[in-house]
Amino acid sequence: MPSSARYKPVQKRSQATIEKILDTAARLLISNGYIGLTTNQIASEAGIGIGTVYRYFADKNELLVALRDRTSAEMTRELAGVVTSSLSFEPTRAVRQLFALLVDAVERNAAIINALANEVPMGLQGNILPEVEGQLMRLGQHFLAHHRPDLSDTEVSELSYIGVTVGFAAAMRIGVQREPHMDRQRLIDCAGDVLTAWIDPRRQSVSAPRAQDQ
């Protein structure tokens, strides 16, 4: 996805200004919602001129795309950081660890994700976290190819598509929309069983250790 910023900063000062604008927009989006968010309000709260906001972003929708992209990129970097080490684990443990990490990342960004999902018009938001889902698809294929060398390329692609779609949706539900009476760890364990069966339906996933025991 191309950058949504009108002007690509090369100086640290310009980069810091963009981060300040995005941080302010994030706070206001959470507190005031999409309808109540304006570029004038962002400029005022950030303590900068409205012209500075427009130097980098044409309107609030372009700014929110950048905010979505930043959140997505941060989560993607976090996930990529543990994938290599997880390949050395037994598949059941690796799947559970990666899924628990994804839920943690979603929870840390729950307020922004929830605002983008429920406030921003569908035409703008599209896929809420496109980079995260795309990275998960690539990681899923790499993971399956490593642990299931018996599968063809087509089978790896198909199983990755299903597994990542189910896993990503489950992580979003647990991290953002979990009902108060539901036990977080039990949900993660249940999802881990489902995803373990995705790796190898012959594997007895129920024998896997609980995440808190690892």
N, C-alpha and C. Protein backbone atom coordinates (compact mmCIF):
# COMPACT_ATOMS: atom_id res chain seq x y z
N MET A 1 0.85 -1.20 0.00
CA MET A 1 0.00 0.00 0.00
C MET A 1 0.88 1.24 0.00
N PRO A 2 0.68 2.22 -0.87
CA PRO A 2 1.50 3.41 -0.89
C PRO A 2 1.29 4.24 0.35
N SER A 3 2.31 5.02 0.68
CA SER A 3 2.20 5.89 1.85
C SER A 3 1.10 6.90 1.66
N SER A 4 0.39 7.22 2.75
CA SER A 4 -0.69 8.18 2.67
C SER A 4 -0.21 9.60 2.90
N ALA A 5 1.03 9.76 3.33
CA ALA A 5 1.54 11.11 3.60
C ALA A 5 1.79 11.85 2.29
N ARG A 6 1.44 13.14 2.26
CA ARG A 6 1.65 13.94 1.06
C ARG A 6 3.13 14.26 0.89
N TYR A 7 3.79 14.44 2.03
CA TYR A 7 5.19 14.83 2.00
C TYR A 7 5.99 13.83 2.81
N LYS A 8 6.98 13.21 2.21
CA LYS A 8 7.79 12.24 2.92
C LYS A 8 8.95 12.95 3.62
N PRO A 9 8.94 12.95 4.95
CA PRO A 9 9.97 13.70 5.67
C PRO A 9 11.33 13.02 5.61
N VAL A 10 12.38 13.81 5.53
CA VAL A 10 13.73 13.28 5.56
C VAL A 10 14.45 13.74 6.81
N GLN A 11 13.96 14.78 7.46
CA GLN A 11 14.57 15.28 8.68
C GLN A 11 13.88 14.70 9.90
N LYS A 12 14.64 14.51 10.98
CA LYS A 12 14.08 13.97 12.20
C LYS A 12 12.97 14.86 12.74
N ARG A 13 13.12 16.18 12.54
CA ARG A 13 12.10 17.10 13.03
C ARG A 13 10.77 16.87 12.32
N SER A 14 10.84 16.66 11.01
CA SER A 14 9.62 16.41 10.24
C SER A 14 9.00 15.08 10.64
N GLN A 15 9.82 14.07 10.85
CA GLN A 15 9.31 12.77 11.28
C GLN A 15 8.64 12.88 12.64
N ALA A 16 9.25 13.65 13.53
CA ALA A 16 8.68 13.84 14.87
C ALA A 16 7.34 14.56 14.79
N THR A 17 7.22 15.50 13.86
CA THR A 17 5.95 16.22 13.69
C THR A 17 4.85 15.29 13.23
N ILE A 18 5.15 14.42 12.28
CA ILE A 18 4.16 13.47 11.80
C ILE A 18 3.72 12.54 12.93
N GLU A 19 4.69 12.08 13.72
CA GLU A 19 4.34 11.20 14.84
C GLU A 19 3.46 11.93 15.84
N LYS A 20 3.73 13.20 16.05
CA LYS A 20 2.91 13.98 16.98
C LYS A 20 1.49 14.13 16.45
N ILE A 21 1.36 14.38 15.16
CA ILE A 21 0.03 14.49 14.54
C ILE A 21 -0.72 13.17 14.68
N LEU A 22 -0.05 12.07 14.39
CA LEU A 22 -0.70 10.77 14.47
C LEU A 22 -1.06 10.40 15.90
N ASP A 23 -0.18 10.69 16.84
CA ASP A 23 -0.47 10.40 18.25
C ASP A 23 -1.70 11.19 18.70
N THR A 24 -1.77 12.45 18.30
CA THR A 24 -2.91 13.29 18.67
C THR A 24 -4.19 12.79 18.02
N ALA A 25 -4.10 12.43 16.74
CA ALA A 25 -5.28 11.91 16.04
C ALA A 25 -5.77 10.63 16.69
N ALA A 26 -4.85 9.78 17.14
CA ALA A 26 -5.23 8.53 17.79
C ALA A 26 -6.00 8.80 19.08
N ARG A 27 -5.51 9.72 19.89
CA ARG A 27 -6.20 10.05 21.14
C ARG A 27 -7.59 10.61 20.88
N LEU A 28 -7.69 11.51 19.90
CA LEU A 28 -8.97 12.14 19.61
C LEU A 28 -9.95 11.17 18.96
N LEU A 29 -9.44 10.25 18.15
CA LEU A 29 -10.30 9.25 17.53
C LEU A 29 -10.93 8.37 18.60
N ILE A 30 -10.14 8.02 19.60
CA ILE A 30 -10.63 7.16 20.68
C ILE A 30 -11.66 7.91 21.54
N SER A 31 -11.36 9.17 21.85
CA SER A 31 -12.23 9.91 22.77
C SER A 31 -13.45 10.53 22.09
N ASN A 32 -13.29 11.00 20.86
CA ASN A 32 -14.36 11.74 20.20
C ASN A 32 -15.02 11.00 19.04
N GLY A 33 -14.39 9.92 18.57
CA GLY A 33 -14.95 9.19 17.45
C GLY A 33 -14.62 9.84 16.11
N TYR A 34 -14.93 9.13 15.04
CA TYR A 34 -14.61 9.60 13.69
C TYR A 34 -15.37 10.89 13.33
N ILE A 35 -16.65 10.93 13.67
CA ILE A 35 -17.47 12.10 13.32
C ILE A 35 -16.95 13.35 14.00
N GLY A 36 -16.55 13.22 15.26
CA GLY A 36 -16.09 14.39 16.00
C GLY A 36 -14.66 14.79 15.73
N LEU A 37 -13.96 14.03 14.92
CA LEU A 37 -12.55 14.31 14.64
C LEU A 37 -12.41 15.29 13.48
N THR A 38 -11.65 16.36 13.67
CA THR A 38 -11.39 17.33 12.61
C THR A 38 -9.90 17.66 12.59
N THR A 39 -9.44 18.10 11.43
CA THR A 39 -8.03 18.48 11.33
C THR A 39 -7.73 19.71 12.16
N ASN A 40 -8.69 20.62 12.29
CA ASN A 40 -8.49 21.79 13.13
C ASN A 40 -8.30 21.39 14.60
N GLN A 41 -9.10 20.42 15.02
CA GLN A 41 -8.99 19.93 16.39
C GLN A 41 -7.64 19.25 16.61
N ILE A 42 -7.21 18.48 15.64
CA ILE A 42 -5.92 17.81 15.75
C ILE A 42 -4.79 18.82 15.86
N ALA A 43 -4.84 19.85 15.00
CA ALA A 43 -3.81 20.88 15.04
C ALA A 43 -3.79 21.59 16.39
N SER A 44 -4.97 21.93 16.91
CA SER A 44 -5.06 22.63 18.18
C SER A 44 -4.52 21.79 19.32
N GLU A 45 -4.92 20.52 19.37
CA GLU A 45 -4.49 19.64 20.46
C GLU A 45 -2.99 19.34 20.37
N ALA A 46 -2.46 19.29 19.15
CA ALA A 46 -1.04 19.00 18.96
C ALA A 46 -0.18 20.24 19.15
N GLY A 47 -0.82 21.41 19.20
CA GLY A 47 -0.07 22.65 19.37
C GLY A 47 0.70 23.07 18.14
N ILE A 48 0.14 22.78 16.96
CA ILE A 48 0.78 23.16 15.70
C ILE A 48 -0.24 23.87 14.82
N GLY A 49 0.22 24.50 13.78
CA GLY A 49 -0.67 25.20 12.87
C GLY A 49 -1.39 24.23 11.94
N ILE A 50 -2.59 24.62 11.49
CA ILE A 50 -3.35 23.76 10.60
C ILE A 50 -2.60 23.54 9.29
N GLY A 51 -1.81 24.53 8.87
CA GLY A 51 -1.02 24.38 7.65
C GLY A 51 0.01 23.27 7.75
N THR A 52 0.50 23.06 8.97
CA THR A 52 1.47 21.98 9.18
C THR A 52 0.80 20.62 8.99
N VAL A 53 -0.43 20.50 9.47
CA VAL A 53 -1.16 19.24 9.27
C VAL A 53 -1.35 18.99 7.78
N TYR A 54 -1.79 20.02 7.05
CA TYR A 54 -2.05 19.86 5.62
C TYR A 54 -0.77 19.70 4.80
N ARG A 55 0.35 20.04 5.39
CA ARG A 55 1.61 19.82 4.70
C ARG A 55 1.86 18.33 4.51
N TYR A 56 1.39 17.54 5.47
CA TYR A 56 1.62 16.10 5.44
C TYR A 56 0.40 15.28 5.05
N PHE A 57 -0.80 15.79 5.32
CA PHE A 57 -2.02 15.03 5.07
C PHE A 57 -3.07 15.92 4.43
N ALA A 58 -3.67 15.43 3.35
CA ALA A 58 -4.65 16.23 2.62
C ALA A 58 -5.94 16.44 3.41
N ASP A 59 -6.35 15.45 4.20
CA ASP A 59 -7.58 15.54 4.97
C ASP A 59 -7.53 14.51 6.10
N LYS A 60 -8.58 14.44 6.89
CA LYS A 60 -8.55 13.53 8.04
C LYS A 60 -8.60 12.07 7.59
N ASN A 61 -9.23 11.79 6.46
CA ASN A 61 -9.26 10.40 6.00
C ASN A 61 -7.88 9.91 5.63
N GLU A 62 -7.10 10.75 4.96
CA GLU A 62 -5.74 10.38 4.62
C GLU A 62 -4.91 10.20 5.88
N LEU A 63 -5.16 11.03 6.87
CA LEU A 63 -4.46 10.93 8.15
C LEU A 63 -4.80 9.61 8.85
N LEU A 64 -6.07 9.21 8.79
CA LEU A 64 -6.48 7.98 9.46
C LEU A 64 -5.93 6.75 8.75
N VAL A 65 -5.77 6.82 7.44
CA VAL A 65 -5.13 5.72 6.73
C VAL A 65 -3.69 5.58 7.22
N ALA A 66 -3.01 6.70 7.42
CA ALA A 66 -1.64 6.66 7.94
C ALA A 66 -1.60 6.11 9.36
N LEU A 67 -2.59 6.46 10.16
CA LEU A 67 -2.67 5.94 11.52
C LEU A 67 -2.88 4.43 11.51
N ARG A 68 -3.78 3.98 10.64
CA ARG A 68 -4.00 2.54 10.49
C ARG A 68 -2.73 1.84 10.04
N ASP A 69 -2.04 2.43 9.06
CA ASP A 69 -0.82 1.82 8.54
C ASP A 69 0.26 1.75 9.62
N ARG A 70 0.35 2.79 10.45
CA ARG A 70 1.37 2.79 11.51
C ARG A 70 1.09 1.68 12.52
N THR A 71 -0.15 1.56 12.93
CA THR A 71 -0.51 0.51 13.88
C THR A 71 -0.23 -0.87 13.30
N SER A 72 -0.60 -1.04 12.03
CA SER A 72 -0.38 -2.31 11.35
C SER A 72 1.11 -2.62 11.24
N ALA A 73 1.92 -1.63 10.90
CA ALA A 73 3.36 -1.83 10.73
C ALA A 73 4.02 -2.18 12.06
N GLU A 74 3.59 -1.55 13.14
CA GLU A 74 4.16 -1.84 14.46
C GLU A 74 3.88 -3.28 14.86
N MET A 75 2.66 -3.73 14.62
CA MET A 75 2.30 -5.11 14.96
C MET A 75 3.04 -6.11 14.07
N THR A 76 3.23 -5.74 12.80
CA THR A 76 3.93 -6.62 11.87
C THR A 76 5.37 -6.83 12.30
N ARG A 77 6.05 -5.75 12.69
CA ARG A 77 7.44 -5.86 13.14
C ARG A 77 7.53 -6.75 14.37
N GLU A 78 6.58 -6.60 15.25
CA GLU A 78 6.58 -7.39 16.48
C GLU A 78 6.42 -8.88 16.18
N LEU A 79 5.51 -9.20 15.27
CA LEU A 79 5.29 -10.61 14.92
C LEU A 79 6.50 -11.20 14.21
N ALA A 80 7.08 -10.43 13.29
CA ALA A 80 8.22 -10.93 12.52
C ALA A 80 9.41 -11.24 13.41
N GLY A 81 9.49 -10.52 14.54
CA GLY A 81 10.63 -10.70 15.44
C GLY A 81 10.71 -12.04 16.12
N VAL A 82 9.59 -12.77 16.18
CA VAL A 82 9.60 -14.04 16.91
C VAL A 82 9.43 -15.26 15.98
N VAL A 83 9.22 -15.01 14.73
CA VAL A 83 8.93 -16.12 13.82
C VAL A 83 10.12 -17.06 13.65
N THR A 84 11.29 -16.52 13.45
CA THR A 84 12.47 -17.35 13.23
C THR A 84 12.71 -18.30 14.39
N SER A 85 12.65 -17.77 15.61
CA SER A 85 12.87 -18.62 16.78
C SER A 85 11.79 -19.67 16.93
N SER A 86 10.57 -19.35 16.52
CA SER A 86 9.46 -20.29 16.69
C SER A 86 9.61 -21.51 15.80
N LEU A 87 10.36 -21.40 14.72
CA LEU A 87 10.53 -22.52 13.81
C LEU A 87 11.28 -23.68 14.46
N SER A 88 12.05 -23.38 15.50
CA SER A 88 12.80 -24.43 16.18
C SER A 88 11.95 -25.15 17.23
N PHE A 89 10.76 -24.62 17.52
CA PHE A 89 9.89 -25.23 18.51
C PHE A 89 9.08 -26.37 17.89
N GLU A 90 8.60 -27.23 18.76
CA GLU A 90 7.60 -28.22 18.35
C GLU A 90 6.37 -27.46 17.86
N PRO A 91 5.73 -27.89 16.76
CA PRO A 91 4.65 -27.11 16.13
C PRO A 91 3.55 -26.65 17.08
N THR A 92 3.12 -27.52 17.99
CA THR A 92 2.03 -27.15 18.89
C THR A 92 2.42 -25.96 19.76
N ARG A 93 3.62 -26.03 20.31
CA ARG A 93 4.10 -24.92 21.15
C ARG A 93 4.26 -23.65 20.33
N ALA A 94 4.81 -23.78 19.12
CA ALA A 94 5.04 -22.61 18.27
C ALA A 94 3.73 -21.92 17.91
N VAL A 95 2.71 -22.71 17.54
CA VAL A 95 1.42 -22.14 17.15
C VAL A 95 0.81 -21.38 18.32
N ARG A 96 0.84 -21.98 19.50
CA ARG A 96 0.25 -21.34 20.67
C ARG A 96 1.00 -20.05 21.02
N GLN A 97 2.32 -20.09 20.94
CA GLN A 97 3.11 -18.91 21.27
C GLN A 97 2.80 -17.76 20.31
N LEU A 98 2.76 -18.06 19.02
CA LEU A 98 2.50 -17.03 18.03
C LEU A 98 1.08 -16.47 18.16
N PHE A 99 0.12 -17.34 18.44
CA PHE A 99 -1.25 -16.86 18.59
C PHE A 99 -1.39 -15.99 19.84
N ALA A 100 -0.78 -16.40 20.95
CA ALA A 100 -0.84 -15.60 22.18
C ALA A 100 -0.19 -14.23 21.95
N LEU A 101 0.91 -14.21 21.21
CA LEU A 101 1.57 -12.94 20.90
C LEU A 101 0.67 -12.04 20.07
N LEU A 102 -0.03 -12.63 19.11
CA LEU A 102 -0.94 -11.85 18.27
C LEU A 102 -2.07 -11.26 19.11
N VAL A 103 -2.63 -12.04 20.02
CA VAL A 103 -3.68 -11.53 20.90
C VAL A 103 -3.14 -10.39 21.75
N ASP A 104 -1.94 -10.54 22.29
CA ASP A 104 -1.32 -9.47 23.09
C ASP A 104 -1.20 -8.18 22.27
N ALA A 105 -0.74 -8.31 21.03
CA ALA A 105 -0.55 -7.14 20.18
C ALA A 105 -1.88 -6.47 19.86
N VAL A 106 -2.91 -7.28 19.61
CA VAL A 106 -4.24 -6.72 19.34
C VAL A 106 -4.76 -5.99 20.56
N GLU A 107 -4.57 -6.57 21.75
CA GLU A 107 -5.06 -5.94 22.97
C GLU A 107 -4.38 -4.61 23.23
N ARG A 108 -3.08 -4.52 22.97
CA ARG A 108 -2.37 -3.26 23.20
C ARG A 108 -2.86 -2.16 22.27
N ASN A 109 -3.39 -2.54 21.12
CA ASN A 109 -3.90 -1.56 20.15
C ASN A 109 -5.41 -1.61 20.03
N ALA A 110 -6.07 -2.18 21.04
CA ALA A 110 -7.52 -2.41 20.97
C ALA A 110 -8.32 -1.14 20.75
N ALA A 111 -7.93 -0.06 21.43
CA ALA A 111 -8.71 1.18 21.32
C ALA A 111 -8.69 1.71 19.90
N ILE A 112 -7.51 1.72 19.27
CA ILE A 112 -7.40 2.20 17.89
C ILE A 112 -8.12 1.25 16.94
N ILE A 113 -7.92 -0.04 17.11
CA ILE A 113 -8.57 -1.02 16.23
C ILE A 113 -10.09 -0.90 16.34
N ASN A 114 -10.58 -0.78 17.56
CA ASN A 114 -12.02 -0.67 17.76
C ASN A 114 -12.58 0.59 17.11
N ALA A 115 -11.86 1.70 17.26
CA ALA A 115 -12.31 2.96 16.66
C ALA A 115 -12.32 2.86 15.14
N LEU A 116 -11.27 2.29 14.57
CA LEU A 116 -11.20 2.16 13.12
C LEU A 116 -12.30 1.22 12.60
N ALA A 117 -12.57 0.17 13.36
CA ALA A 117 -13.56 -0.82 12.91
C ALA A 117 -14.98 -0.29 13.01
N ASN A 118 -15.27 0.47 14.04
CA ASN A 118 -16.65 0.86 14.32
C ASN A 118 -17.01 2.29 13.93
N GLU A 119 -16.00 3.14 13.78
CA GLU A 119 -16.27 4.55 13.52
C GLU A 119 -16.00 4.97 12.08
N VAL A 120 -14.89 4.48 11.54
CA VAL A 120 -14.47 4.93 10.21
C VAL A 120 -15.34 4.27 9.14
N PRO A 121 -15.80 5.03 8.14
CA PRO A 121 -16.64 4.45 7.07
C PRO A 121 -15.96 3.28 6.39
N MET A 122 -16.76 2.30 5.97
CA MET A 122 -16.22 1.09 5.37
C MET A 122 -15.36 1.37 4.15
N GLY A 123 -15.72 2.39 3.38
CA GLY A 123 -14.97 2.69 2.19
C GLY A 123 -13.55 3.11 2.48
N LEU A 124 -13.34 3.67 3.68
CA LEU A 124 -12.00 4.10 4.05
C LEU A 124 -11.23 2.98 4.71
N GLN A 125 -11.86 2.28 5.65
CA GLN A 125 -11.09 1.34 6.45
C GLN A 125 -10.69 0.10 5.68
N GLY A 126 -11.57 -0.42 4.80
CA GLY A 126 -11.24 -1.64 4.07
C GLY A 126 -10.82 -2.72 5.05
N ASN A 127 -9.64 -3.27 4.82
CA ASN A 127 -9.05 -4.20 5.77
C ASN A 127 -8.45 -3.37 6.90
N ILE A 128 -8.87 -3.63 8.14
CA ILE A 128 -8.44 -2.79 9.26
C ILE A 128 -6.94 -2.82 9.44
N LEU A 129 -6.32 -3.98 9.35
CA LEU A 129 -4.88 -4.12 9.54
C LEU A 129 -4.28 -4.92 8.38
N PRO A 130 -4.19 -4.32 7.21
CA PRO A 130 -3.77 -5.07 6.01
C PRO A 130 -2.37 -5.63 6.10
N GLU A 131 -1.42 -4.87 6.64
CA GLU A 131 -0.05 -5.36 6.70
C GLU A 131 0.07 -6.55 7.64
N VAL A 132 -0.67 -6.51 8.74
CA VAL A 132 -0.61 -7.61 9.71
C VAL A 132 -1.14 -8.89 9.08
N GLU A 133 -2.29 -8.80 8.44
CA GLU A 133 -2.87 -10.00 7.83
C GLU A 133 -2.00 -10.52 6.69
N GLY A 134 -1.44 -9.61 5.90
CA GLY A 134 -0.56 -10.04 4.82
C GLY A 134 0.70 -10.71 5.35
N GLN A 135 1.27 -10.13 6.42
CA GLN A 135 2.46 -10.74 7.01
C GLN A 135 2.15 -12.10 7.61
N LEU A 136 1.00 -12.21 8.27
CA LEU A 136 0.60 -13.49 8.83
C LEU A 136 0.45 -14.55 7.74
N MET A 137 -0.06 -14.14 6.58
CA MET A 137 -0.21 -15.10 5.48
C MET A 137 1.15 -15.60 5.01
N ARG A 138 2.11 -14.69 4.91
CA ARG A 138 3.45 -15.09 4.49
C ARG A 138 4.10 -15.98 5.55
N LEU A 139 3.94 -15.60 6.82
CA LEU A 139 4.51 -16.40 7.90
C LEU A 139 3.85 -17.77 7.99
N GLY A 140 2.54 -17.80 7.76
CA GLY A 140 1.83 -19.06 7.80
C GLY A 140 2.34 -20.03 6.74
N GLN A 141 2.59 -19.52 5.55
CA GLN A 141 3.10 -20.37 4.47
C GLN A 141 4.50 -20.88 4.81
N HIS A 142 5.33 -19.99 5.34
CA HIS A 142 6.69 -20.37 5.71
C HIS A 142 6.67 -21.42 6.82
N PHE A 143 5.79 -21.20 7.79
CA PHE A 143 5.67 -22.10 8.94
C PHE A 143 5.20 -23.48 8.49
N LEU A 144 4.18 -23.52 7.66
CA LEU A 144 3.66 -24.80 7.17
C LEU A 144 4.69 -25.54 6.32
N ALA A 145 5.36 -24.81 5.45
CA ALA A 145 6.35 -25.45 4.58
C ALA A 145 7.48 -26.05 5.42
N HIS A 146 7.81 -25.41 6.54
CA HIS A 146 8.88 -25.90 7.41
C HIS A 146 8.45 -27.16 8.17
N HIS A 147 7.24 -27.11 8.73
CA HIS A 147 6.78 -28.21 9.58
C HIS A 147 6.05 -29.32 8.82
N ARG A 148 5.60 -29.02 7.60
CA ARG A 148 4.88 -30.03 6.80
C ARG A 148 5.50 -30.13 5.41
N PRO A 149 6.72 -30.65 5.33
CA PRO A 149 7.37 -30.76 4.02
C PRO A 149 6.66 -31.72 3.08
N ASP A 150 5.73 -32.50 3.62
CA ASP A 150 4.99 -33.44 2.80
C ASP A 150 3.92 -32.77 1.95
N LEU A 151 3.61 -31.50 2.25
CA LEU A 151 2.56 -30.80 1.53
C LEU A 151 3.08 -30.18 0.24
N SER A 152 2.22 -30.12 -0.76
CA SER A 152 2.57 -29.44 -2.01
C SER A 152 2.45 -27.93 -1.80
N ASP A 153 2.99 -27.16 -2.73
CA ASP A 153 2.90 -25.70 -2.65
C ASP A 153 1.45 -25.25 -2.62
N THR A 154 0.63 -25.90 -3.41
CA THR A 154 -0.80 -25.55 -3.44
C THR A 154 -1.46 -25.82 -2.10
N GLU A 155 -1.14 -26.97 -1.51
CA GLU A 155 -1.72 -27.31 -0.20
C GLU A 155 -1.25 -26.34 0.87
N VAL A 156 0.01 -25.95 0.82
CA VAL A 156 0.53 -24.98 1.78
C VAL A 156 -0.22 -23.65 1.65
N SER A 157 -0.42 -23.20 0.43
CA SER A 157 -1.13 -21.93 0.21
C SER A 157 -2.57 -22.01 0.70
N GLU A 158 -3.24 -23.11 0.39
CA GLU A 158 -4.64 -23.25 0.79
C GLU A 158 -4.80 -23.35 2.30
N LEU A 159 -3.96 -24.16 2.93
CA LEU A 159 -4.06 -24.31 4.39
C LEU A 159 -3.67 -23.02 5.10
N SER A 160 -2.69 -22.30 4.56
CA SER A 160 -2.31 -21.01 5.14
C SER A 160 -3.46 -20.02 5.07
N TYR A 161 -4.12 -20.01 3.94
CA TYR A 161 -5.25 -19.09 3.75
C TYR A 161 -6.34 -19.34 4.79
N ILE A 162 -6.68 -20.60 4.99
CA ILE A 162 -7.72 -20.94 5.96
C ILE A 162 -7.24 -20.69 7.38
N GLY A 163 -6.05 -21.19 7.71
CA GLY A 163 -5.55 -21.07 9.07
C GLY A 163 -5.35 -19.64 9.52
N VAL A 164 -4.76 -18.82 8.66
CA VAL A 164 -4.52 -17.43 9.02
C VAL A 164 -5.83 -16.66 9.11
N THR A 165 -6.76 -16.93 8.21
CA THR A 165 -8.06 -16.25 8.28
C THR A 165 -8.76 -16.55 9.59
N VAL A 166 -8.78 -17.81 9.98
CA VAL A 166 -9.42 -18.21 11.24
C VAL A 166 -8.66 -17.64 12.44
N GLY A 167 -7.33 -17.78 12.42
CA GLY A 167 -6.52 -17.33 13.55
C GLY A 167 -6.58 -15.83 13.75
N PHE A 168 -6.51 -15.07 12.65
CA PHE A 168 -6.54 -13.62 12.75
C PHE A 168 -7.89 -13.14 13.26
N ALA A 169 -8.96 -13.73 12.74
CA ALA A 169 -10.30 -13.35 13.21
C ALA A 169 -10.48 -13.68 14.69
N ALA A 170 -9.97 -14.84 15.12
CA ALA A 170 -10.09 -15.23 16.52
C ALA A 170 -9.30 -14.28 17.42
N ALA A 171 -8.10 -13.91 16.99
CA ALA A 171 -7.29 -12.99 17.79
C ALA A 171 -7.96 -11.63 17.92
N MET A 172 -8.57 -11.16 16.84
CA MET A 172 -9.28 -9.88 16.88
C MET A 172 -10.47 -9.95 17.82
N ARG A 173 -11.19 -11.05 17.80
CA ARG A 173 -12.36 -11.21 18.68
C ARG A 173 -11.93 -11.27 20.14
N ILE A 174 -10.88 -12.04 20.42
CA ILE A 174 -10.41 -12.17 21.80
C ILE A 174 -9.83 -10.86 22.30
N GLY A 175 -9.03 -10.20 21.46
CA GLY A 175 -8.34 -9.00 21.89
C GLY A 175 -9.19 -7.76 21.97
N VAL A 176 -10.25 -7.69 21.15
CA VAL A 176 -11.05 -6.45 21.08
C VAL A 176 -12.49 -6.66 21.54
N GLN A 177 -13.08 -7.80 21.25
CA GLN A 177 -14.51 -7.97 21.47
C GLN A 177 -14.86 -9.06 22.49
N ARG A 178 -13.89 -9.48 23.29
CA ARG A 178 -14.17 -10.55 24.24
C ARG A 178 -15.21 -10.13 25.27
N GLU A 179 -16.18 -10.99 25.50
CA GLU A 179 -17.22 -10.72 26.49
C GLU A 179 -16.61 -10.77 27.90
N PRO A 180 -17.09 -9.94 28.82
CA PRO A 180 -16.51 -9.87 30.17
C PRO A 180 -16.48 -11.20 30.90
N HIS A 181 -17.46 -12.06 30.65
CA HIS A 181 -17.53 -13.32 31.38
C HIS A 181 -16.62 -14.40 30.80
N MET A 182 -16.01 -14.13 29.65
CA MET A 182 -15.18 -15.14 29.00
C MET A 182 -13.75 -15.10 29.54
N ASP A 183 -13.19 -16.29 29.73
CA ASP A 183 -11.83 -16.41 30.24
C ASP A 183 -10.82 -16.29 29.10
N ARG A 184 -9.96 -15.31 29.18
CA ARG A 184 -9.01 -15.03 28.11
C ARG A 184 -8.12 -16.23 27.82
N GLN A 185 -7.54 -16.84 28.86
CA GLN A 185 -6.62 -17.93 28.64
C GLN A 185 -7.30 -19.15 28.04
N ARG A 186 -8.52 -19.44 28.49
CA ARG A 186 -9.24 -20.58 27.92
C ARG A 186 -9.52 -20.37 26.44
N LEU A 187 -9.85 -19.12 26.07
CA LEU A 187 -10.09 -18.83 24.67
C LEU A 187 -8.82 -19.03 23.84
N ILE A 188 -7.69 -18.59 24.38
CA ILE A 188 -6.42 -18.75 23.68
C ILE A 188 -6.07 -20.22 23.54
N ASP A 189 -6.31 -20.99 24.60
CA ASP A 189 -6.03 -22.42 24.55
C ASP A 189 -6.92 -23.13 23.52
N CYS A 190 -8.19 -22.74 23.51
CA CYS A 190 -9.13 -23.35 22.56
C CYS A 190 -8.71 -23.04 21.13
N ALA A 191 -8.36 -21.77 20.88
CA ALA A 191 -7.91 -21.39 19.54
C ALA A 191 -6.62 -22.12 19.18
N GLY A 192 -5.75 -22.33 20.19
CA GLY A 192 -4.51 -23.06 19.96
C GLY A 192 -4.78 -24.49 19.52
N ASP A 193 -5.79 -25.13 20.12
CA ASP A 193 -6.16 -26.48 19.71
C ASP A 193 -6.63 -26.51 18.26
N VAL A 194 -7.46 -25.51 17.91
CA VAL A 194 -7.97 -25.45 16.54
C VAL A 194 -6.83 -25.25 15.55
N LEU A 195 -5.91 -24.34 15.85
CA LEU A 195 -4.82 -24.05 14.94
C LEU A 195 -3.79 -25.17 14.89
N THR A 196 -3.65 -25.91 15.99
CA THR A 196 -2.76 -27.06 15.98
C THR A 196 -3.29 -28.13 15.03
N ALA A 197 -4.62 -28.31 15.05
CA ALA A 197 -5.23 -29.24 14.11
C ALA A 197 -5.04 -28.78 12.67
N TRP A 198 -4.95 -27.47 12.49
CA TRP A 198 -4.69 -26.92 11.15
C TRP A 198 -3.31 -27.32 10.66
N ILE A 199 -2.31 -27.30 11.56
CA ILE A 199 -0.97 -27.69 11.18
C ILE A 199 -0.92 -29.16 10.79
N ASP A 200 -1.55 -30.00 11.61
CA ASP A 200 -1.54 -31.44 11.35
C ASP A 200 -2.76 -32.06 12.02
N PRO A 201 -3.79 -32.41 11.26
CA PRO A 201 -5.01 -32.96 11.85
C PRO A 201 -4.79 -34.27 12.60
N ARG A 202 -3.63 -34.90 12.39
CA ARG A 202 -3.36 -36.16 13.08
C ARG A 202 -2.77 -35.93 14.47
N ARG A 203 -2.36 -34.70 14.75
CA ARG A 203 -1.69 -34.39 16.01
C ARG A 203 -2.71 -34.26 17.13
N GLN A 204 -2.36 -34.75 18.31
CA GLN A 204 -3.23 -34.63 19.48
C GLN A 204 -2.95 -33.29 20.15
N SER A 205 -3.66 -32.26 19.71
CA SER A 205 -3.38 -30.92 20.20
C SER A 205 -3.71 -30.75 21.67
N VAL A 206 -4.63 -31.55 22.21
CA VAL A 206 -5.03 -31.38 23.60
C VAL A 206 -3.89 -31.67 24.55
N SER A 207 -2.83 -32.34 24.07
CA SER A 207 -1.70 -32.65 24.94
C SER A 207 -0.73 -31.49 25.05
N ALA A 208 -0.98 -30.41 24.29
CA ALA A 208 -0.06 -29.27 24.30
C ALA A 208 -0.12 -28.56 25.64
N PRO A 209 1.03 -28.00 26.11
CA PRO A 209 1.03 -27.28 27.36
C PRO A 209 0.26 -25.99 27.26
N ARG A 210 -0.36 -25.58 28.33
CA ARG A 210 -1.04 -24.29 28.35
C ARG A 210 -0.01 -23.18 28.25
N ALA A 211 -0.43 -22.06 27.68
CA ALA A 211 0.51 -20.96 27.42
C ALA A 211 1.20 -20.51 28.69
N GLN A 212 0.48 -20.48 29.85
CA GLN A 212 1.09 -19.96 31.07
C GLN A 212 2.08 -20.94 31.68
N ASP A 213 2.07 -22.21 31.17
CA ASP A 213 2.99 -23.21 31.69
C ASP A 213 4.30 -23.23 30.94
N GLN A 214 4.37 -22.49 29.83
CA GLN A 214 5.58 -22.51 29.00
C GLN A 214 6.64 -21.60 29.58
